[in-house]
Every structure is written in structure tokens, then in C-alpha cells.
PDB file of N, CA and C in Angstrom:
ATOM      1  N   MET A   1       0.814  -1.192   0.000  1.00  0.00           N
ATOM      2  CA  MET A   1       0.000   0.000   0.000  1.00  0.00           C
ATOM      3  C   MET A   1       0.861   1.260   0.000  1.00  0.00           C
ATOM      4  N   ALA A   2       2.009   1.196   0.633  1.00  0.00           N
ATOM      5  CA  ALA A   2       2.892   2.366   0.673  1.00  0.00           C
ATOM      6  C   ALA A   2       3.415   2.711  -0.711  1.00  0.00           C
ATOM      7  N   HIS A   3       3.599   1.691  -1.553  1.00  0.00           N
ATOM      8  CA  HIS A   3       4.087   1.941  -2.913  1.00  0.00           C
ATOM      9  C   HIS A   3       3.088   2.778  -3.718  1.00  0.00           C
ATOM     10  N   ALA A   4       1.801   2.506  -3.564  1.00  0.00           N
ATOM     11  CA  ALA A   4       0.776   3.284  -4.274  1.00  0.00           C
ATOM     12  C   ALA A   4       0.786   4.733  -3.806  1.00  0.00           C
ATOM     13  N   HIS A   5       1.031   4.943  -2.516  1.00  0.00           N
ATOM     14  CA  HIS A   5       1.093   6.306  -1.987  1.00  0.00           C
ATOM     15  C   HIS A   5       2.261   7.075  -2.597  1.00  0.00           C
ATOM     16  N   GLU A   6       3.419   6.428  -2.702  1.00  0.00           N
ATOM     17  CA  GLU A   6       4.571   7.075  -3.311  1.00  0.00           C
ATOM     18  C   GLU A   6       4.297   7.395  -4.778  1.00  0.00           C
ATOM     19  N   SER A   7       3.624   6.475  -5.460  1.00  0.00           N
ATOM     20  CA  SER A   7       3.297   6.668  -6.865  1.00  0.00           C
ATOM     21  C   SER A   7       2.367   7.870  -7.040  1.00  0.00           C
ATOM     22  N   ASN A   8       1.370   7.985  -6.192  1.00  0.00           N
ATOM     23  CA  ASN A   8       0.453   9.117  -6.285  1.00  0.00           C
ATOM     24  C   ASN A   8       1.153  10.427  -5.956  1.00  0.00           C
ATOM     25  N   THR A   9       2.044  10.401  -4.984  1.00  0.00           N
ATOM     26  CA  THR A   9       2.783  11.603  -4.628  1.00  0.00           C
ATOM     27  C   THR A   9       3.664  12.047  -5.789  1.00  0.00           C
ATOM     28  N   LYS A  10       4.339  11.096  -6.418  1.00  0.00           N
ATOM     29  CA  LYS A  10       5.178  11.433  -7.567  1.00  0.00           C
ATOM     30  C   LYS A  10       4.326  11.989  -8.703  1.00  0.00           C
ATOM     31  N   ARG A  11       3.177  11.400  -8.935  1.00  0.00           N
ATOM     32  CA  ARG A  11       2.285  11.847 -10.005  1.00  0.00           C
ATOM     33  C   ARG A  11       1.804  13.280  -9.748  1.00  0.00           C
ATOM     34  N   ILE A  12       1.458  13.592  -8.520  1.00  0.00           N
ATOM     35  CA  ILE A  12       1.009  14.938  -8.173  1.00  0.00           C
ATOM     36  C   ILE A  12       2.122  15.952  -8.439  1.00  0.00           C
ATOM     37  N   TRP A  13       3.354  15.603  -8.077  1.00  0.00           N
ATOM     38  CA  TRP A  13       4.478  16.510  -8.322  1.00  0.00           C
ATOM     39  C   TRP A  13       4.725  16.707  -9.810  1.00  0.00           C
ATOM     40  N   VAL A  14       4.592  15.634 -10.597  1.00  0.00           N
ATOM     41  CA  VAL A  14       4.785  15.747 -12.045  1.00  0.00           C
ATOM     42  C   VAL A  14       3.717  16.659 -12.646  1.00  0.00           C
ATOM     43  N   VAL A  15       2.471  16.475 -12.226  1.00  0.00           N
ATOM     44  CA  VAL A  15       1.378  17.324 -12.716  1.00  0.00           C
ATOM     45  C   VAL A  15       1.628  18.775 -12.310  1.00  0.00           C
ATOM     46  N   LEU A  16       2.052  18.996 -11.079  1.00  0.00           N
ATOM     47  CA  LEU A  16       2.345  20.348 -10.604  1.00  0.00           C
ATOM     48  C   LEU A  16       3.444  21.000 -11.437  1.00  0.00           C
ATOM     49  N   VAL A  17       4.500  20.270 -11.724  1.00  0.00           N
ATOM     50  CA  VAL A  17       5.612  20.826 -12.483  1.00  0.00           C
ATOM     51  C   VAL A  17       5.176  21.157 -13.915  1.00  0.00           C
ATOM     52  N   ILE A  18       4.456  20.260 -14.563  1.00  0.00           N
ATOM     53  CA  ILE A  18       4.030  20.498 -15.948  1.00  0.00           C
ATOM     54  C   ILE A  18       3.100  21.702 -16.026  1.00  0.00           C
ATOM     55  N   LEU A  19       2.098  21.760 -15.157  1.00  0.00           N
ATOM     56  CA  LEU A  19       1.168  22.886 -15.168  1.00  0.00           C
ATOM     57  C   LEU A  19       1.867  24.191 -14.785  1.00  0.00           C
ATOM     58  N   SER A  20       2.831  24.122 -13.877  1.00  0.00           N
ATOM     59  CA  SER A  20       3.580  25.322 -13.496  1.00  0.00           C
ATOM     60  C   SER A  20       4.433  25.832 -14.657  1.00  0.00           C
ATOM     61  N   LEU A  21       5.048  24.926 -15.400  1.00  0.00           N
ATOM     62  CA  LEU A  21       5.848  25.336 -16.555  1.00  0.00           C
ATOM     63  C   LEU A  21       4.978  25.997 -17.624  1.00  0.00           C
ATOM     64  N   LEU A  22       3.827  25.403 -17.918  1.00  0.00           N
ATOM     65  CA  LEU A  22       2.935  26.000 -18.909  1.00  0.00           C
ATOM     66  C   LEU A  22       2.455  27.380 -18.457  1.00  0.00           C
ATOM     67  N   THR A  23       2.112  27.503 -17.183  1.00  0.00           N
ATOM     68  CA  THR A  23       1.662  28.788 -16.656  1.00  0.00           C
ATOM     69  C   THR A  23       2.791  29.811 -16.673  1.00  0.00           C
ATOM     70  N   THR A  24       4.009  29.376 -16.350  1.00  0.00           N
ATOM     71  CA  THR A  24       5.158  30.282 -16.373  1.00  0.00           C
ATOM     72  C   THR A  24       5.409  30.809 -17.782  1.00  0.00           C
ATOM     73  N   VAL A  25       5.305  29.940 -18.783  1.00  0.00           N
ATOM     74  CA  VAL A  25       5.468  30.376 -20.172  1.00  0.00           C
ATOM     75  C   VAL A  25       4.420  31.422 -20.516  1.00  0.00           C
ATOM     76  N   GLU A  26       3.167  31.190 -20.115  1.00  0.00           N
ATOM     77  CA  GLU A  26       2.106  32.165 -20.379  1.00  0.00           C
ATOM     78  C   GLU A  26       2.387  33.503 -19.701  1.00  0.00           C
ATOM     79  N   VAL A  27       2.788  33.468 -18.444  1.00  0.00           N
ATOM     80  CA  VAL A  27       3.032  34.700 -17.700  1.00  0.00           C
ATOM     81  C   VAL A  27       4.213  35.465 -18.290  1.00  0.00           C
ATOM     82  N   VAL A  28       5.300  34.764 -18.616  1.00  0.00           N
ATOM     83  CA  VAL A  28       6.479  35.429 -19.184  1.00  0.00           C
ATOM     84  C   VAL A  28       6.127  36.056 -20.533  1.00  0.00           C
ATOM     85  N   LEU A  29       5.401  35.323 -21.383  1.00  0.00           N
ATOM     86  CA  LEU A  29       4.995  35.899 -22.667  1.00  0.00           C
ATOM     87  C   LEU A  29       4.059  37.090 -22.470  1.00  0.00           C
ATOM     88  N   GLY A  30       3.202  37.033 -21.456  1.00  0.00           N
ATOM     89  CA  GLY A  30       2.311  38.153 -21.174  1.00  0.00           C
ATOM     90  C   GLY A  30       3.039  39.380 -20.664  1.00  0.00           C
ATOM     91  N   ILE A  31       4.115  39.176 -19.935  1.00  0.00           N
ATOM     92  CA  ILE A  31       4.890  40.304 -19.429  1.00  0.00           C
ATOM     93  C   ILE A  31       5.775  40.891 -20.525  1.00  0.00           C
ATOM     94  N   ILE A  32       6.467  40.020 -21.254  1.00  0.00           N
ATOM     95  CA  ILE A  32       7.416  40.488 -22.272  1.00  0.00           C
ATOM     96  C   ILE A  32       6.693  41.029 -23.506  1.00  0.00           C
ATOM     97  N   LYS A  33       5.656  40.362 -23.957  1.00  0.00           N
ATOM     98  CA  LYS A  33       4.905  40.713 -25.169  1.00  0.00           C
ATOM     99  C   LYS A  33       5.839  41.022 -26.342  1.00  0.00           C
ATOM    100  N   PRO A  34       6.478  40.000 -26.911  1.00  0.00           N
ATOM    101  CA  PRO A  34       7.368  40.249 -28.043  1.00  0.00           C
ATOM    102  C   PRO A  34       6.617  40.930 -29.189  1.00  0.00           C
ATOM    103  N   ALA A  35       7.223  41.957 -29.766  1.00  0.00           N
ATOM    104  CA  ALA A  35       6.563  42.733 -30.823  1.00  0.00           C
ATOM    105  C   ALA A  35       6.214  41.875 -32.026  1.00  0.00           C
ATOM    106  N   SER A  36       7.059  40.897 -32.339  1.00  0.00           N
ATOM    107  CA  SER A  36       6.779  40.045 -33.498  1.00  0.00           C
ATOM    108  C   SER A  36       5.531  39.196 -33.288  1.00  0.00           C
ATOM    109  N   LEU A  37       5.209  38.870 -32.049  1.00  0.00           N
ATOM    110  CA  LEU A  37       4.013  38.083 -31.755  1.00  0.00           C
ATOM    111  C   LEU A  37       2.815  38.955 -31.421  1.00  0.00           C
ATOM    112  N   HIS A  38       3.068  40.148 -30.925  1.00  0.00           N
ATOM    113  CA  HIS A  38       1.986  40.986 -30.419  1.00  0.00           C
ATOM    114  C   HIS A  38       1.408  41.945 -31.472  1.00  0.00           C
ATOM    115  N   LEU A  39       2.242  42.433 -32.376  1.00  0.00           N
ATOM    116  CA  LEU A  39       1.800  43.480 -33.295  1.00  0.00           C
ATOM    117  C   LEU A  39       1.409  42.976 -34.682  1.00  0.00           C
ATOM    118  N   SER A  40       1.459  41.684 -34.912  1.00  0.00           N
ATOM    119  CA  SER A  40       1.031  41.141 -36.201  1.00  0.00           C
ATOM    120  C   SER A  40      -0.329  40.470 -36.027  1.00  0.00           C
ATOM    121  N   SER A  41      -0.906  40.009 -37.137  1.00  0.00           N
ATOM    122  CA  SER A  41      -2.239  39.421 -37.071  1.00  0.00           C
ATOM    123  C   SER A  41      -2.282  38.124 -37.873  1.00  0.00           C
ATOM    124  N   VAL A  42      -2.844  37.094 -37.254  1.00  0.00           N
ATOM    125  CA  VAL A  42      -3.044  35.806 -37.900  1.00  0.00           C
ATOM    126  C   VAL A  42      -4.453  35.337 -37.561  1.00  0.00           C
ATOM    127  N   LEU A  43      -5.271  35.107 -38.574  1.00  0.00           N
ATOM    128  CA  LEU A  43      -6.649  34.632 -38.384  1.00  0.00           C
ATOM    129  C   LEU A  43      -7.437  35.519 -37.418  1.00  0.00           C
ATOM    130  N   GLY A  44      -7.291  36.810 -37.538  1.00  0.00           N
ATOM    131  CA  GLY A  44      -8.116  37.741 -36.791  1.00  0.00           C
ATOM    132  C   GLY A  44      -7.565  38.217 -35.463  1.00  0.00           C
ATOM    133  N   THR A  45      -6.458  37.655 -35.011  1.00  0.00           N
ATOM    134  CA  THR A  45      -5.868  38.108 -33.758  1.00  0.00           C
ATOM    135  C   THR A  45      -4.358  37.900 -33.823  1.00  0.00           C
ATOM    136  N   SER A  46      -3.659  38.347 -32.806  1.00  0.00           N
ATOM    137  CA  SER A  46      -2.198  38.257 -32.825  1.00  0.00           C
ATOM    138  C   SER A  46      -1.746  36.821 -32.536  1.00  0.00           C
ATOM    139  N   PRO A  47      -0.560  36.464 -33.032  1.00  0.00           N
ATOM    140  CA  PRO A  47      -0.018  35.138 -32.706  1.00  0.00           C
ATOM    141  C   PRO A  47       0.154  34.931 -31.202  1.00  0.00           C
ATOM    142  N   LEU A  48       0.399  35.998 -30.466  1.00  0.00           N
ATOM    143  CA  LEU A  48       0.519  35.886 -29.010  1.00  0.00           C
ATOM    144  C   LEU A  48      -0.793  35.397 -28.400  1.00  0.00           C
ATOM    145  N   ASN A  49      -1.907  35.936 -28.875  1.00  0.00           N
ATOM    146  CA  ASN A  49      -3.203  35.461 -28.385  1.00  0.00           C
ATOM    147  C   ASN A  49      -3.436  34.002 -28.748  1.00  0.00           C
ATOM    148  N   TRP A  50      -3.015  33.603 -29.955  1.00  0.00           N
ATOM    149  CA  TRP A  50      -3.165  32.194 -30.345  1.00  0.00           C
ATOM    150  C   TRP A  50      -2.329  31.293 -29.450  1.00  0.00           C
ATOM    151  N   ILE A  51      -1.145  31.753 -29.085  1.00  0.00           N
ATOM    152  CA  ILE A  51      -0.306  30.967 -28.173  1.00  0.00           C
ATOM    153  C   ILE A  51      -0.998  30.808 -26.826  1.00  0.00           C
ATOM    154  N   PHE A  52      -1.591  31.900 -26.314  1.00  0.00           N
ATOM    155  CA  PHE A  52      -2.328  31.814 -25.049  1.00  0.00           C
ATOM    156  C   PHE A  52      -3.509  30.848 -25.156  1.00  0.00           C
ATOM    157  N   ILE A  53      -4.238  30.913 -26.243  1.00  0.00           N
ATOM    158  CA  ILE A  53      -5.400  30.035 -26.435  1.00  0.00           C
ATOM    159  C   ILE A  53      -4.954  28.577 -26.485  1.00  0.00           C
ATOM    160  N   ILE A  54      -3.906  28.300 -27.247  1.00  0.00           N
ATOM    161  CA  ILE A  54      -3.433  26.917 -27.383  1.00  0.00           C
ATOM    162  C   ILE A  54      -2.888  26.391 -26.059  1.00  0.00           C
ATOM    163  N   LEU A  55      -2.103  27.196 -25.354  1.00  0.00           N
ATOM    164  CA  LEU A  55      -1.574  26.755 -24.062  1.00  0.00           C
ATOM    165  C   LEU A  55      -2.695  26.534 -23.049  1.00  0.00           C
ATOM    166  N   THR A  56      -3.724  27.349 -23.096  1.00  0.00           N
ATOM    167  CA  THR A  56      -4.862  27.165 -22.199  1.00  0.00           C
ATOM    168  C   THR A  56      -5.595  25.866 -22.513  1.00  0.00           C
ATOM    169  N   LEU A  57      -5.772  25.552 -23.801  1.00  0.00           N
ATOM    170  CA  LEU A  57      -6.405  24.284 -24.173  1.00  0.00           C
ATOM    171  C   LEU A  57      -5.553  23.091 -23.748  1.00  0.00           C
ATOM    172  N   VAL A  58      -4.234  23.213 -23.885  1.00  0.00           N
ATOM    173  CA  VAL A  58      -3.345  22.129 -23.451  1.00  0.00           C
ATOM    174  C   VAL A  58      -3.451  21.922 -21.940  1.00  0.00           C
ATOM    175  N   LYS A  59      -3.475  23.022 -21.193  1.00  0.00           N
ATOM    176  CA  LYS A  59      -3.612  22.890 -19.736  1.00  0.00           C
ATOM    177  C   LYS A  59      -4.958  22.289 -19.359  1.00  0.00           C
ATOM    178  N   ALA A  60      -6.022  22.698 -20.035  1.00  0.00           N
ATOM    179  CA  ALA A  60      -7.349  22.147 -19.743  1.00  0.00           C
ATOM    180  C   ALA A  60      -7.381  20.645 -20.033  1.00  0.00           C
ATOM    181  N   TYR A  61      -6.785  20.237 -21.147  1.00  0.00           N
ATOM    182  CA  TYR A  61      -6.737  18.817 -21.495  1.00  0.00           C
ATOM    183  C   TYR A  61      -5.948  18.040 -20.453  1.00  0.00           C
ATOM    184  N   TYR A  62      -4.805  18.587 -20.043  1.00  0.00           N
ATOM    185  CA  TYR A  62      -3.970  17.875 -19.079  1.00  0.00           C
ATOM    186  C   TYR A  62      -4.643  17.795 -17.711  1.00  0.00           C
ATOM    187  N   ILE A  63      -5.348  18.844 -17.325  1.00  0.00           N
ATOM    188  CA  ILE A  63      -6.079  18.814 -16.052  1.00  0.00           C
ATOM    189  C   ILE A  63      -7.156  17.740 -16.096  1.00  0.00           C
ATOM    190  N   ALA A  64      -7.889  17.675 -17.210  1.00  0.00           N
ATOM    191  CA  ALA A  64      -8.914  16.630 -17.344  1.00  0.00           C
ATOM    192  C   ALA A  64      -8.261  15.247 -17.348  1.00  0.00           C
ATOM    193  N   TRP A  65      -7.145  15.112 -18.034  1.00  0.00           N
ATOM    194  CA  TRP A  65      -6.454  13.835 -18.130  1.00  0.00           C
ATOM    195  C   TRP A  65      -5.972  13.374 -16.752  1.00  0.00           C
ATOM    196  N   ALA A  66      -5.408  14.293 -15.969  1.00  0.00           N
ATOM    197  CA  ALA A  66      -4.813  13.915 -14.693  1.00  0.00           C
ATOM    198  C   ALA A  66      -5.836  13.851 -13.555  1.00  0.00           C
ATOM    199  N   PHE A  67      -6.663  14.877 -13.416  1.00  0.00           N
ATOM    200  CA  PHE A  67      -7.531  14.958 -12.246  1.00  0.00           C
ATOM    201  C   PHE A  67      -8.891  14.309 -12.435  1.00  0.00           C
ATOM    202  N   MET A  68      -9.313  14.124 -13.667  1.00  0.00           N
ATOM    203  CA  MET A  68     -10.554  13.383 -13.909  1.00  0.00           C
ATOM    204  C   MET A  68     -10.252  11.914 -14.211  1.00  0.00           C
ATOM    205  N   HIS A  69      -8.963  11.544 -14.141  1.00  0.00           N
ATOM    206  CA  HIS A  69      -8.500  10.164 -14.323  1.00  0.00           C
ATOM    207  C   HIS A  69      -8.934   9.590 -15.665  1.00  0.00           C
ATOM    208  N   LEU A  70      -8.827  10.408 -16.721  1.00  0.00           N
ATOM    209  CA  LEU A  70      -9.251   9.951 -18.041  1.00  0.00           C
ATOM    210  C   LEU A  70      -8.267   8.978 -18.672  1.00  0.00           C
ATOM    211  N   GLU A  71      -7.030   8.930 -18.188  1.00  0.00           N
ATOM    212  CA  GLU A  71      -6.073   8.024 -18.814  1.00  0.00           C
ATOM    213  C   GLU A  71      -6.445   6.562 -18.612  1.00  0.00           C
ATOM    214  N   GLY A  72      -7.258   6.276 -17.604  1.00  0.00           N
ATOM    215  CA  GLY A  72      -7.663   4.899 -17.337  1.00  0.00           C
ATOM    216  C   GLY A  72      -8.970   4.511 -18.005  1.00  0.00           C
ATOM    217  N   GLU A  73      -9.619   5.441 -18.671  1.00  0.00           N
ATOM    218  CA  GLU A  73     -10.913   5.158 -19.295  1.00  0.00           C
ATOM    219  C   GLU A  73     -10.735   4.609 -20.705  1.00  0.00           C
ATOM    220  N   LYS A  74     -11.847   4.143 -21.269  1.00  0.00           N
ATOM    221  CA  LYS A  74     -11.814   3.635 -22.640  1.00  0.00           C
ATOM    222  C   LYS A  74     -11.624   4.792 -23.615  1.00  0.00           C
ATOM    223  N   LYS A  75     -11.058   4.465 -24.761  1.00  0.00           N
ATOM    224  CA  LYS A  75     -10.691   5.485 -25.741  1.00  0.00           C
ATOM    225  C   LYS A  75     -11.906   6.304 -26.192  1.00  0.00           C
ATOM    226  N   TRP A  76     -13.036   5.677 -26.470  1.00  0.00           N
ATOM    227  CA  TRP A  76     -14.213   6.405 -26.956  1.00  0.00           C
ATOM    228  C   TRP A  76     -14.744   7.353 -25.896  1.00  0.00           C
ATOM    229  N   PHE A  77     -14.652   6.959 -24.629  1.00  0.00           N
ATOM    230  CA  PHE A  77     -15.138   7.817 -23.553  1.00  0.00           C
ATOM    231  C   PHE A  77     -14.251   9.045 -23.391  1.00  0.00           C
ATOM    232  N   ARG A  78     -12.924   8.831 -23.433  1.00  0.00           N
ATOM    233  CA  ARG A  78     -11.984   9.959 -23.359  1.00  0.00           C
ATOM    234  C   ARG A  78     -12.228  10.933 -24.491  1.00  0.00           C
ATOM    235  N   ARG A  79     -12.348  10.394 -25.695  1.00  0.00           N
ATOM    236  CA  ARG A  79     -12.540  11.267 -26.856  1.00  0.00           C
ATOM    237  C   ARG A  79     -13.859  12.017 -26.784  1.00  0.00           C
ATOM    238  N   SER A  80     -14.913  11.385 -26.322  1.00  0.00           N
ATOM    239  CA  SER A  80     -16.204  12.076 -26.250  1.00  0.00           C
ATOM    240  C   SER A  80     -16.151  13.249 -25.282  1.00  0.00           C
ATOM    241  N   ILE A  81     -15.433  13.102 -24.194  1.00  0.00           N
ATOM    242  CA  ILE A  81     -15.315  14.198 -23.230  1.00  0.00           C
ATOM    243  C   ILE A  81     -14.381  15.281 -23.749  1.00  0.00           C
ATOM    244  N   VAL A  82     -13.194  14.886 -24.161  1.00  0.00           N
ATOM    245  CA  VAL A  82     -12.174  15.857 -24.539  1.00  0.00           C
ATOM    246  C   VAL A  82     -12.557  16.588 -25.818  1.00  0.00           C
ATOM    247  N   TRP A  83     -12.978  15.879 -26.857  1.00  0.00           N
ATOM    248  CA  TRP A  83     -13.284  16.534 -28.124  1.00  0.00           C
ATOM    249  C   TRP A  83     -14.515  17.418 -28.029  1.00  0.00           C
ATOM    250  N   SER A  84     -15.480  17.029 -27.212  1.00  0.00           N
ATOM    251  CA  SER A  84     -16.646  17.896 -27.007  1.00  0.00           C
ATOM    252  C   SER A  84     -16.225  19.208 -26.354  1.00  0.00           C
ATOM    253  N   ALA A  85     -15.403  19.102 -25.334  1.00  0.00           N
ATOM    254  CA  ALA A  85     -14.940  20.316 -24.647  1.00  0.00           C
ATOM    255  C   ALA A  85     -14.081  21.177 -25.570  1.00  0.00           C
ATOM    256  N   ILE A  86     -13.182  20.565 -26.312  1.00  0.00           N
ATOM    257  CA  ILE A  86     -12.322  21.342 -27.209  1.00  0.00           C
ATOM    258  C   ILE A  86     -13.147  22.003 -28.306  1.00  0.00           C
ATOM    259  N   PHE A  87     -14.127  21.286 -28.859  1.00  0.00           N
ATOM    260  CA  PHE A  87     -14.990  21.885 -29.873  1.00  0.00           C
ATOM    261  C   PHE A  87     -15.740  23.090 -29.315  1.00  0.00           C
ATOM    262  N   LEU A  88     -16.315  22.948 -28.127  1.00  0.00           N
ATOM    263  CA  LEU A  88     -17.075  24.050 -27.547  1.00  0.00           C
ATOM    264  C   LEU A  88     -16.179  25.239 -27.209  1.00  0.00           C
ATOM    265  N   ILE A  89     -14.979  24.976 -26.729  1.00  0.00           N
ATOM    266  CA  ILE A  89     -14.050  26.076 -26.421  1.00  0.00           C
ATOM    267  C   ILE A  89     -13.624  26.782 -27.698  1.00  0.00           C
ATOM    268  N   CYS A  90     -13.304  26.017 -28.741  1.00  0.00           N
ATOM    269  CA  CYS A  90     -12.912  26.630 -30.023  1.00  0.00           C
ATOM    270  C   CYS A  90     -14.069  27.431 -30.612  1.00  0.00           C
ATOM    271  N   TYR A  91     -15.281  26.934 -30.474  1.00  0.00           N
ATOM    272  CA  TYR A  91     -16.461  27.656 -30.955  1.00  0.00           C
ATOM    273  C   TYR A  91     -16.623  28.977 -30.198  1.00  0.00           C
ATOM    274  N   LEU A  92     -16.456  28.927 -28.876  1.00  0.00           N
ATOM    275  CA  LEU A  92     -16.551  30.138 -28.061  1.00  0.00           C
ATOM    276  C   LEU A  92     -15.467  31.135 -28.440  1.00  0.00           C
ATOM    277  N   VAL A  93     -14.238  30.667 -28.629  1.00  0.00           N
ATOM    278  CA  VAL A  93     -13.139  31.553 -29.011  1.00  0.00           C
ATOM    279  C   VAL A  93     -13.431  32.205 -30.363  1.00  0.00           C
ATOM    280  N   THR A  94     -13.934  31.427 -31.311  1.00  0.00           N
ATOM    281  CA  THR A  94     -14.273  31.975 -32.626  1.00  0.00           C
ATOM    282  C   THR A  94     -15.333  33.069 -32.509  1.00  0.00           C
ATOM    283  N   LEU A  95     -16.372  32.812 -31.745  1.00  0.00           N
ATOM    284  CA  LEU A  95     -17.428  33.814 -31.576  1.00  0.00           C
ATOM    285  C   LEU A  95     -16.906  35.074 -30.895  1.00  0.00           C
ATOM    286  N   VAL A  96     -16.072  34.907 -29.878  1.00  0.00           N
ATOM    287  CA  VAL A  96     -15.517  36.068 -29.171  1.00  0.00           C
ATOM    288  C   VAL A  96     -14.628  36.883 -30.100  1.00  0.00           C
ATOM    289  N   LEU A  97     -13.804  36.208 -30.906  1.00  0.00           N
ATOM    290  CA  LEU A  97     -12.936  36.934 -31.834  1.00  0.00           C
ATOM    291  C   LEU A  97     -13.733  37.674 -32.900  1.00  0.00           C
ATOM    292  N   ILE A  98     -14.781  37.040 -33.419  1.00  0.00           N
ATOM    293  CA  ILE A  98     -15.614  37.703 -34.429  1.00  0.00           C
ATOM    294  C   ILE A  98     -16.317  38.910 -33.821  1.00  0.00           C
ATOM    295  N   GLU A  99     -16.913  38.729 -32.673  1.00  0.00           N
ATOM    296  CA  GLU A  99     -17.632  39.820 -32.019  1.00  0.00           C
ATOM    297  C   GLU A  99     -16.687  40.937 -31.600  1.00  0.00           C
ATOM    298  N   GLY A 100     -15.519  40.560 -31.064  1.00  0.00           N
ATOM    299  CA  GLY A 100     -14.546  41.567 -30.664  1.00  0.00           C
ATOM    300  C   GLY A 100     -14.030  42.372 -31.844  1.00  0.00           C
ATOM    301  N   GLY A 101     -13.796  41.701 -32.972  1.00  0.00           N
ATOM    302  CA  GLY A 101     -13.358  42.400 -34.175  1.00  0.00           C
ATOM    303  C   GLY A 101     -14.416  43.355 -34.687  1.00  0.00           C
ATOM    304  N   TYR A 102     -15.664  42.911 -34.632  1.00  0.00           N
ATOM    305  CA  TYR A 102     -16.764  43.781 -35.066  1.00  0.00           C
ATOM    306  C   TYR A 102     -16.868  45.015 -34.163  1.00  0.00           C
ATOM    307  N   LEU A 103     -16.808  44.803 -32.855  1.00  0.00           N
ATOM    308  CA  LEU A 103     -16.903  45.938 -31.933  1.00  0.00           C
ATOM    309  C   LEU A 103     -15.729  46.894 -32.099  1.00  0.00           C
ATOM    310  N   TYR A 104     -14.545  46.345 -32.300  1.00  0.00           N
ATOM    311  CA  TYR A 104     -13.376  47.197 -32.497  1.00  0.00           C
ATOM    312  C   TYR A 104     -13.540  48.038 -33.764  1.00  0.00           C
ATOM    313  N   ASP A 105     -13.968  47.406 -34.866  1.00  0.00           N
ATOM    314  CA  ASP A 105     -14.156  48.140 -36.117  1.00  0.00           C
ATOM    315  C   ASP A 105     -15.264  49.187 -35.994  1.00  0.00           C
ATOM    316  N   THR A 106     -16.319  48.864 -35.272  1.00  0.00           N
ATOM    317  CA  THR A 106     -17.453  49.766 -35.146  1.00  0.00           C
ATOM    318  C   THR A 106     -17.147  50.938 -34.211  1.00  0.00           C
ATOM    319  N   LEU A 107     -16.464  50.652 -33.114  1.00  0.00           N
ATOM    320  CA  LEU A 107     -16.241  51.686 -32.102  1.00  0.00           C
ATOM    321  C   LEU A 107     -14.943  52.460 -32.271  1.00  0.00           C
ATOM    322  N   SER A 108     -14.051  52.024 -33.184  1.00  0.00           N
ATOM    323  CA  SER A 108     -12.766  52.720 -33.289  1.00  0.00           C
ATOM    324  C   SER A 108     -12.887  54.200 -33.621  1.00  0.00           C
ATOM    325  N   PRO A 109     -13.835  54.635 -34.434  1.00  0.00           N
ATOM    326  CA  PRO A 109     -13.905  56.095 -34.626  1.00  0.00           C
ATOM    327  C   PRO A 109     -14.382  56.839 -33.375  1.00  0.00           C
ATOM    328  N   LEU A 110     -15.068  56.166 -32.491  1.00  0.00           N
ATOM    329  CA  LEU A 110     -15.687  56.817 -31.329  1.00  0.00           C
ATOM    330  C   LEU A 110     -14.841  56.738 -30.063  1.00  0.00           C
ATOM    331  N   VAL A 111     -14.016  55.696 -29.958  1.00  0.00           N
ATOM    332  CA  VAL A 111     -13.285  55.445 -28.710  1.00  0.00           C
ATOM    333  C   VAL A 111     -11.798  55.584 -28.982  1.00  0.00           C
ATOM    334  N   ARG A 112     -11.110  56.215 -28.048  1.00  0.00           N
ATOM    335  CA  ARG A 112      -9.666  56.319 -28.163  1.00  0.00           C
ATOM    336  C   ARG A 112      -9.043  55.129 -27.444  1.00  0.00           C
ATOM    337  N   TRP A 113      -8.415  54.240 -28.198  1.00  0.00           N
ATOM    338  CA  TRP A 113      -7.848  53.024 -27.625  1.00  0.00           C
ATOM    339  C   TRP A 113      -6.515  53.352 -27.068  1.00  0.00           C
TER     340      TRP A 113
END
């Protein structure tokens, strides 16, 4: 029984380190804001925003994988949960980007950014 406890402790530390590294990358990129990533546009937003979106999806997937114990489930069950969530998040991001672009274009003559 002690071996299982050590295994779980090691797993928790691995999850902590991976999530901390991903979060650190996000925070450093948010503080530095490289001009090449921040001032250009790809598919309606800056590459920096795409990096944040992708890293957030990776963290969400890993959290579901580790804390919802999806690695032990059947393949179809994992895919139904993960792909549904990823589809809905991507749909939400698309709608937010479209709406945000419309508001920016509409309000730019009226608001000083």
C-alpha cells in the first residue's frame, strides 16, 4: 500500500511541475509581449493570443487527463469528453474573436484606444 502512496505523490508533483511550466510560459509571454508576436495578425488576432489560447487548451486537457482520471478510461469515452470540450471552447473563441473584431471596427472612430 505504501508503494501506491509514493506513486500518487510522484504523479502529483509531475502534474504540478508540468502545469507550473505552462503557466510560467504564459506569464512570461504576457509580461514580455514580443513585438513580433503581439503586433502582427493571424486569423483575426495576434499570434501571441493564439499561443495563449493553445496553451490554455493544453492545460485544460492535461487537467482533465490527470484529475478526472481519463487516462484509465476507454478510448471512446476519453474522446467524447475531450473533443466535445475542445470543440465548444474553439467555438466560443471563434465567436468572441468575431464579435470583438466587429466591436473594435465599429467603435474605433468613437473610442480612443
